[in-house]
Amino acid sequence: MSQNVTYEVVRNEEEQYSLWEADRELPPGWSHEGTRGTREECVAHIDRVWTDIRPRSVRERQQAAARASQA
């Protein structure tokens, strides 16, 4: 792995994060999150922002179930 590789933080529709080499085309369903840098910088950013690793659809179902049980 080269030290000169620039990475980007990418996110999918389920709000899951990943690293992607900046010069590669993104696969379908993924978009640029806005952070770019070394692998270590991008991993540190993901560690800061991705605090709940459940997919968005799972979080929403669980939140809806919790609200329904309180009603």
Protein backbone atom coordinates (compact mmCIF):
# COMPACT_ATOMS: atom_id res chain seq x y z
CA MET A 1 0.00 0.00 0.00
CA SER A 2 1.45 3.33 -1.02
CA GLN A 3 1.75 6.24 1.37
CA ASN A 4 0.72 8.54 -1.49
CA VAL A 5 -2.81 7.15 -1.82
CA THR A 6 -5.56 9.65 -1.05
CA TYR A 7 -8.77 8.25 0.38
CA GLU A 8 -12.30 9.56 0.67
CA VAL A 9 -14.95 8.75 3.20
CA VAL A 10 -18.05 7.46 1.45
CA ARG A 11 -21.53 6.68 2.77
CA ASN A 12 -24.38 4.58 1.46
CA GLU A 13 -28.15 5.05 1.67
CA GLU A 14 -28.21 3.13 4.96
CA GLU A 15 -25.75 5.68 6.43
CA GLN A 16 -22.94 3.14 6.61
CA TYR A 17 -19.42 4.49 6.08
CA SER A 18 -16.40 3.18 4.23
CA LEU A 19 -13.06 4.25 2.76
CA TRP A 20 -12.54 4.53 -0.95
CA GLU A 21 -9.47 5.42 -2.96
CA ALA A 22 -10.13 8.95 -4.21
CA ASP A 23 -9.26 8.22 -7.82
CA ARG A 24 -11.67 5.28 -8.15
CA GLU A 25 -15.25 5.49 -9.34
CA LEU A 26 -17.78 4.86 -6.59
CA PRO A 27 -19.98 1.78 -6.79
CA PRO A 28 -23.74 2.26 -7.10
CA GLY A 29 -25.43 3.30 -3.86
CA TRP A 30 -22.41 5.10 -2.39
CA SER A 31 -21.76 8.85 -2.30
CA HIS A 32 -18.92 11.11 -1.23
CA GLU A 33 -19.30 12.21 2.39
CA GLY A 34 -16.87 15.12 2.03
CA THR A 35 -13.80 13.98 3.96
CA ARG A 36 -10.59 13.30 2.08
CA GLY A 37 -7.07 12.51 3.29
CA THR A 38 -4.78 9.71 4.35
CA ARG A 39 -6.19 6.36 5.32
CA GLU A 40 -5.53 7.15 8.98
CA GLU A 41 -7.27 10.55 8.76
CA CYS A 42 -10.31 9.04 7.10
CA VAL A 43 -10.53 6.15 9.58
CA ALA A 44 -10.28 8.64 12.47
CA HIS A 45 -13.12 10.68 10.95
CA ILE A 46 -15.31 7.60 10.54
CA ASP A 47 -14.61 6.65 14.17
CA ARG A 48 -15.81 10.13 15.26
CA VAL A 49 -18.98 10.34 13.17
CA TRP A 50 -20.23 6.76 12.88
CA THR A 51 -21.22 6.18 16.49
CA ASP A 52 -24.22 3.95 15.80
CA ILE A 53 -23.28 1.28 13.29
CA ARG A 54 -26.81 -0.06 12.84
CA PRO A 55 -28.13 0.55 9.32
CA ARG A 56 -30.55 3.49 9.11
CA SER A 57 -33.51 1.23 8.31
CA VAL A 58 -32.88 -0.84 11.46
CA ARG A 59 -32.60 2.29 13.64
CA GLU A 60 -35.85 3.65 12.22
CA ARG A 61 -37.72 0.36 12.80
CA GLN A 62 -36.45 0.13 16.35
CA GLN A 63 -37.36 3.75 17.07
CA ALA A 64 -40.86 3.22 15.66
CA ALA A 65 -41.31 0.09 17.77
CA ALA A 66 -40.17 1.95 20.88
CA ARG A 67 -42.64 4.78 20.21
CA ALA A 68 -45.45 2.30 19.59
CA SER A 69 -44.76 0.48 22.85
CA GLN A 70 -44.92 3.79 24.76
CA ALA A 71 -48.29 4.74 23.26
